[in-house]
Amino acid sequence: EYLRLGATTARLCVENFVEGIINLFGDEYLRRPTRADLEHLLYIGEQHGFSGMIGSIDCMHWEWKNCPTAWKGQYSRGTLNDINVLDRSPVFDDIINSQAPQVTFSVNGNEYCWAYYLTDSIYPKWATFVQSISLPQGPKATLFAQHQEGVQKDVERAFGVLQARFGIIKNPARIWDKAKIGKIIRACIILHNMIVEDERNGYRHFDVSEFQQGEDNGNSHVDLTYYTDTPSNIANMMGVRT
């Protein structure tokens, strides 16, 4: 409405846009992890206390408003759950075909050669899945469950960021074509990965050891000698906005 475009023209623009994003950037931002990527993921996993962990697995539901009546049962939340999605997923094809990269790590003196994912209890009992303890008994089991569930929340946070960033996948899909819906979500994931890569270089990593613990006298001191170019009035603000 803002651009005074017809609905058909707007949908055509979206379709052409996502096609271009996938064709131009799909190979770079929807590829398998490289060796460097795996080493980075393993390092992050070790920082969380899980050696050999390369991420978490879960699924996100995107409602299809215009789903044909004949397909209703196949794409409803109750029918297409985490296990059904996993059956259709190619994530573990490399493991089945013995083509997955070898990742060696040691836990409690035992050597393992397959990386694993953190999951919730709905997933099957596979060697590549480490689930939480549903009814932990004792301090060790309780501590493990807390850490596992805390780290496993990362994938849910990622889905939340994805939906917050792209309104088109936050609201029910109104496109009729299933293939076009798939391309939209792929394009959003590509753009999300591009944003993450772009912002990662701007993060500031502080060395906590630089901040020495001083005497706690109940007072806070802030250095106000720096200059931030803050507009002093509305005229300056409007100029900056322009």
Protein backbone atom coordinates (compact mmCIF):
# COMPACT_ATOMS: atom_id res chain seq x y z
CA GLU A 1 0.00 0.00 0.00
CA TYR A 2 2.82 2.41 0.81
CA LEU A 3 4.48 1.87 -2.59
CA ARG A 4 1.10 1.79 -4.40
CA LEU A 5 1.88 -1.58 -5.93
CA GLY A 6 -0.70 -4.17 -6.83
CA ALA A 7 -0.70 -7.36 -4.74
CA THR A 8 0.29 -9.45 -7.77
CA THR A 9 3.20 -7.12 -8.56
CA ALA A 10 4.37 -7.18 -4.94
CA ARG A 11 4.35 -10.98 -4.83
CA LEU A 12 6.23 -11.12 -8.14
CA CYS A 13 8.87 -8.76 -6.73
CA VAL A 14 9.28 -10.96 -3.65
CA GLU A 15 9.59 -14.10 -5.79
CA ASN A 16 12.23 -12.52 -8.03
CA PHE A 17 14.09 -11.15 -4.99
CA VAL A 18 14.35 -14.50 -3.20
CA GLU A 19 15.40 -16.23 -6.44
CA GLY A 20 18.22 -13.72 -6.81
CA ILE A 21 19.35 -14.07 -3.20
CA ILE A 22 19.47 -17.88 -3.44
CA ASN A 23 21.25 -17.90 -6.81
CA LEU A 24 23.85 -15.31 -5.81
CA PHE A 25 24.57 -16.22 -2.20
CA GLY A 26 23.16 -19.71 -1.59
CA ASP A 27 26.42 -21.53 -2.23
CA GLU A 28 28.25 -19.37 0.31
CA TYR A 29 25.69 -19.05 3.10
CA LEU A 30 23.82 -22.37 2.88
CA ARG A 31 26.83 -24.65 2.52
CA ARG A 32 28.10 -27.44 4.72
CA PRO A 33 30.50 -26.36 7.46
CA THR A 34 34.12 -26.19 6.35
CA ARG A 35 36.98 -27.47 8.49
CA ALA A 36 37.47 -23.97 9.89
CA ASP A 37 33.74 -23.71 10.63
CA LEU A 38 33.79 -27.04 12.46
CA GLU A 39 36.79 -26.02 14.54
CA HIS A 40 35.02 -22.79 15.46
CA LEU A 41 31.83 -24.66 16.41
CA LEU A 42 33.79 -27.19 18.47
CA TYR A 43 35.57 -24.35 20.26
CA ILE A 44 32.23 -22.72 21.13
CA GLY A 45 30.93 -26.07 22.36
CA GLU A 46 33.94 -26.53 24.62
CA GLN A 47 33.39 -23.04 26.05
CA HIS A 48 29.87 -24.17 26.99
CA GLY A 49 31.30 -27.30 28.63
CA PHE A 50 30.35 -29.79 25.89
CA SER A 51 33.38 -31.19 24.07
CA GLY A 52 32.51 -32.49 20.60
CA MET A 53 29.23 -30.54 20.41
CA ILE A 54 28.64 -28.64 17.16
CA GLY A 55 25.21 -27.16 17.82
CA SER A 56 21.59 -27.80 18.73
CA ILE A 57 18.76 -29.25 16.65
CA ASP A 58 15.11 -28.22 16.79
CA CYS A 59 12.41 -27.17 14.34
CA MET A 60 10.38 -24.00 13.83
CA HIS A 61 6.75 -24.00 12.70
CA TRP A 62 5.65 -21.49 10.05
CA GLU A 63 1.89 -21.51 9.64
CA TRP A 64 0.56 -21.85 6.07
CA LYS A 65 -2.64 -19.80 5.83
CA ASN A 66 -3.50 -20.90 2.30
CA CYS A 67 -2.70 -24.58 2.73
CA PRO A 68 -4.94 -26.64 0.38
CA THR A 69 -7.60 -28.67 2.16
CA ALA A 70 -6.21 -31.97 0.86
CA TRP A 71 -2.83 -31.21 2.51
CA LYS A 72 -4.12 -29.90 5.85
CA GLY A 73 -3.10 -32.94 7.89
CA GLN A 74 0.42 -33.03 6.44
CA TYR A 75 1.36 -29.51 7.47
CA SER A 76 -0.41 -28.98 10.79
CA ARG A 77 1.54 -28.55 14.04
CA GLY A 78 0.32 -31.84 15.49
CA THR A 79 1.20 -34.01 12.51
CA LEU A 80 4.46 -32.49 11.28
CA ASN A 81 6.38 -32.57 14.55
CA ASP A 82 10.11 -32.66 15.25
CA ILE A 83 10.47 -36.38 14.43
CA ASN A 84 8.65 -36.09 11.09
CA VAL A 85 10.82 -33.12 10.15
CA LEU A 86 13.92 -35.10 11.08
CA ASP A 87 12.84 -37.98 8.80
CA ARG A 88 12.75 -35.54 5.86
CA SER A 89 15.99 -33.79 6.78
CA PRO A 90 19.30 -34.43 4.93
CA VAL A 91 21.35 -33.34 7.97
CA PHE A 92 22.60 -36.86 8.72
CA ASP A 93 22.97 -38.13 5.15
CA ASP A 94 26.75 -37.73 5.35
CA ILE A 95 26.89 -39.88 8.49
CA ILE A 96 24.72 -42.57 6.89
CA ASN A 97 26.94 -42.53 3.79
CA SER A 98 30.16 -42.49 5.88
CA GLN A 99 31.15 -39.12 4.41
CA ALA A 100 30.96 -37.00 7.56
CA PRO A 101 34.17 -35.34 8.80
CA GLN A 102 35.94 -37.10 11.65
CA VAL A 103 35.78 -35.20 14.92
CA THR A 104 37.78 -36.74 17.74
CA PHE A 105 37.27 -35.74 21.35
CA SER A 106 37.64 -37.27 24.78
CA VAL A 107 35.14 -37.36 27.66
CA ASN A 108 35.93 -39.04 30.98
CA GLY A 109 38.88 -40.84 29.39
CA ASN A 110 36.79 -42.26 26.51
CA GLU A 111 37.58 -41.39 22.90
CA TYR A 112 34.74 -40.53 20.50
CA CYS A 113 34.90 -39.92 16.74
CA TRP A 114 31.48 -38.39 15.92
CA ALA A 115 30.35 -34.89 16.76
CA TYR A 116 26.92 -34.52 18.31
CA TYR A 117 24.00 -32.10 18.69
CA LEU A 118 22.01 -31.12 21.75
CA THR A 119 18.28 -31.91 21.50
CA ASP A 120 15.16 -32.08 23.61
CA SER A 121 13.51 -35.31 24.73
CA ILE A 122 11.22 -35.74 21.69
CA TYR A 123 14.10 -36.79 19.43
CA PRO A 124 15.19 -40.45 19.11
CA LYS A 125 18.00 -41.98 21.16
CA TRP A 126 20.79 -41.60 18.62
CA ALA A 127 24.51 -41.44 19.27
CA THR A 128 24.60 -38.05 17.54
CA PHE A 129 22.03 -36.60 19.98
CA VAL A 130 22.66 -35.66 23.60
CA GLN A 131 19.42 -35.04 25.43
CA SER A 132 18.71 -33.57 28.81
CA ILE A 133 17.77 -35.66 31.85
CA SER A 134 14.02 -35.40 32.30
CA LEU A 135 13.99 -36.30 36.00
CA PRO A 136 17.50 -35.60 37.31
CA GLN A 137 18.45 -37.33 40.53
CA GLY A 138 21.30 -35.87 42.53
CA PRO A 139 23.46 -32.75 42.10
CA LYS A 140 25.48 -34.08 39.12
CA ALA A 141 22.42 -34.95 37.05
CA THR A 142 20.73 -31.68 38.00
CA LEU A 143 23.77 -29.64 37.01
CA PHE A 144 24.07 -31.47 33.68
CA ALA A 145 20.37 -30.93 32.91
CA GLN A 146 20.65 -27.22 33.67
CA HIS A 147 23.69 -26.76 31.43
CA GLN A 148 22.29 -28.88 28.60
CA GLU A 149 18.92 -27.11 28.58
CA GLY A 150 20.60 -23.70 28.82
CA VAL A 151 22.87 -24.32 25.82
CA GLN A 152 20.11 -26.07 23.85
CA LYS A 153 18.05 -22.86 24.07
CA ASP A 154 20.46 -21.29 21.56
CA VAL A 155 18.62 -22.78 18.60
CA GLU A 156 15.27 -21.51 19.90
CA ARG A 157 16.76 -18.05 20.33
CA ALA A 158 18.02 -18.23 16.74
CA PHE A 159 14.50 -19.00 15.51
CA GLY A 160 13.17 -16.10 17.58
CA VAL A 161 15.72 -13.72 16.06
CA LEU A 162 14.89 -15.02 12.57
CA GLN A 163 11.17 -14.38 13.00
CA ALA A 164 11.70 -11.02 14.67
CA ARG A 165 13.99 -9.91 11.86
CA PHE A 166 11.78 -11.01 8.95
CA GLY A 167 8.07 -10.31 9.37
CA ILE A 168 7.22 -12.43 6.33
CA ILE A 169 8.01 -15.65 8.24
CA LYS A 170 6.59 -14.40 11.53
CA ASN A 171 3.07 -14.18 10.12
CA PRO A 172 1.18 -17.02 8.38
CA ALA A 173 2.37 -17.69 4.81
CA ARG A 174 -0.20 -16.48 2.27
CA ILE A 175 1.45 -17.83 -0.89
CA TRP A 176 -0.21 -20.79 -2.60
CA ASP A 177 2.91 -22.44 -4.02
CA LYS A 178 4.79 -24.71 -1.57
CA ALA A 179 8.07 -24.41 -3.52
CA LYS A 180 7.93 -20.60 -3.34
CA ILE A 181 7.37 -20.74 0.42
CA GLY A 182 10.49 -22.90 0.70
CA LYS A 183 12.50 -20.37 -1.28
CA ILE A 184 11.35 -17.53 0.96
CA ILE A 185 12.55 -19.26 4.12
CA ARG A 186 15.86 -20.17 2.44
CA ALA A 187 16.38 -16.53 1.38
CA CYS A 188 15.62 -15.32 4.92
CA ILE A 189 18.16 -17.76 6.37
CA ILE A 190 20.78 -16.62 3.84
CA LEU A 191 20.18 -12.96 4.73
CA HIS A 192 20.28 -13.82 8.44
CA ASN A 193 23.64 -15.59 8.03
CA MET A 194 24.98 -12.62 6.06
CA ILE A 195 23.94 -10.23 8.84
CA VAL A 196 25.52 -12.45 11.51
CA GLU A 197 28.79 -12.59 9.56
CA ASP A 198 28.77 -8.83 9.01
CA GLU A 199 28.06 -8.02 12.67
CA ARG A 200 30.49 -10.61 14.06
CA ASN A 201 33.50 -8.52 13.01
CA GLY A 202 32.14 -5.55 14.96
CA TYR A 203 31.83 -7.36 18.27
CA ARG A 204 34.17 -6.23 21.00
CA HIS A 205 35.66 -9.06 23.04
CA PHE A 206 36.87 -7.95 26.43
CA ASP A 207 39.47 -9.71 28.53
CA VAL A 208 37.85 -10.01 31.93
CA SER A 209 41.26 -10.19 33.61
CA GLU A 210 41.86 -6.55 32.61
CA PHE A 211 39.18 -5.44 35.04
CA GLN A 212 40.76 -5.72 38.47
CA GLN A 213 38.48 -6.07 41.45
CA GLY A 214 38.96 -2.98 43.62
CA GLU A 215 37.71 -2.11 47.03
CA ASP A 216 33.94 -2.03 47.19
CA ASN A 217 33.09 1.37 48.65
CA GLY A 218 29.59 1.52 47.23
CA ASN A 219 30.40 4.31 44.73
CA SER A 220 30.49 4.15 40.94
CA HIS A 221 32.82 6.33 38.90
CA VAL A 222 32.31 7.11 35.21
CA ASP A 223 34.79 8.86 32.96
CA LEU A 224 32.96 11.75 31.27
CA THR A 225 35.92 13.18 29.35
CA TYR A 226 34.99 11.59 26.03
CA TYR A 227 32.87 13.36 23.37
CA THR A 228 30.02 11.58 21.59
CA ASP A 229 28.76 14.26 19.16
CA THR A 230 25.32 14.19 20.74
CA PRO A 231 22.95 16.74 19.11
CA SER A 232 22.27 19.61 21.50
CA ASN A 233 18.87 20.59 20.09
CA ILE A 234 16.15 19.53 17.73
CA ALA A 235 17.62 21.45 14.77
CA ASN A 236 20.88 19.53 15.00
CA MET A 237 18.97 16.28 15.38
CA MET A 238 16.93 16.96 12.24
CA GLY A 239 20.12 17.77 10.37
CA VAL A 240 21.68 14.51 11.41
CA ARG A 241 18.51 12.63 10.39
CA THR A 242 18.57 14.33 6.98
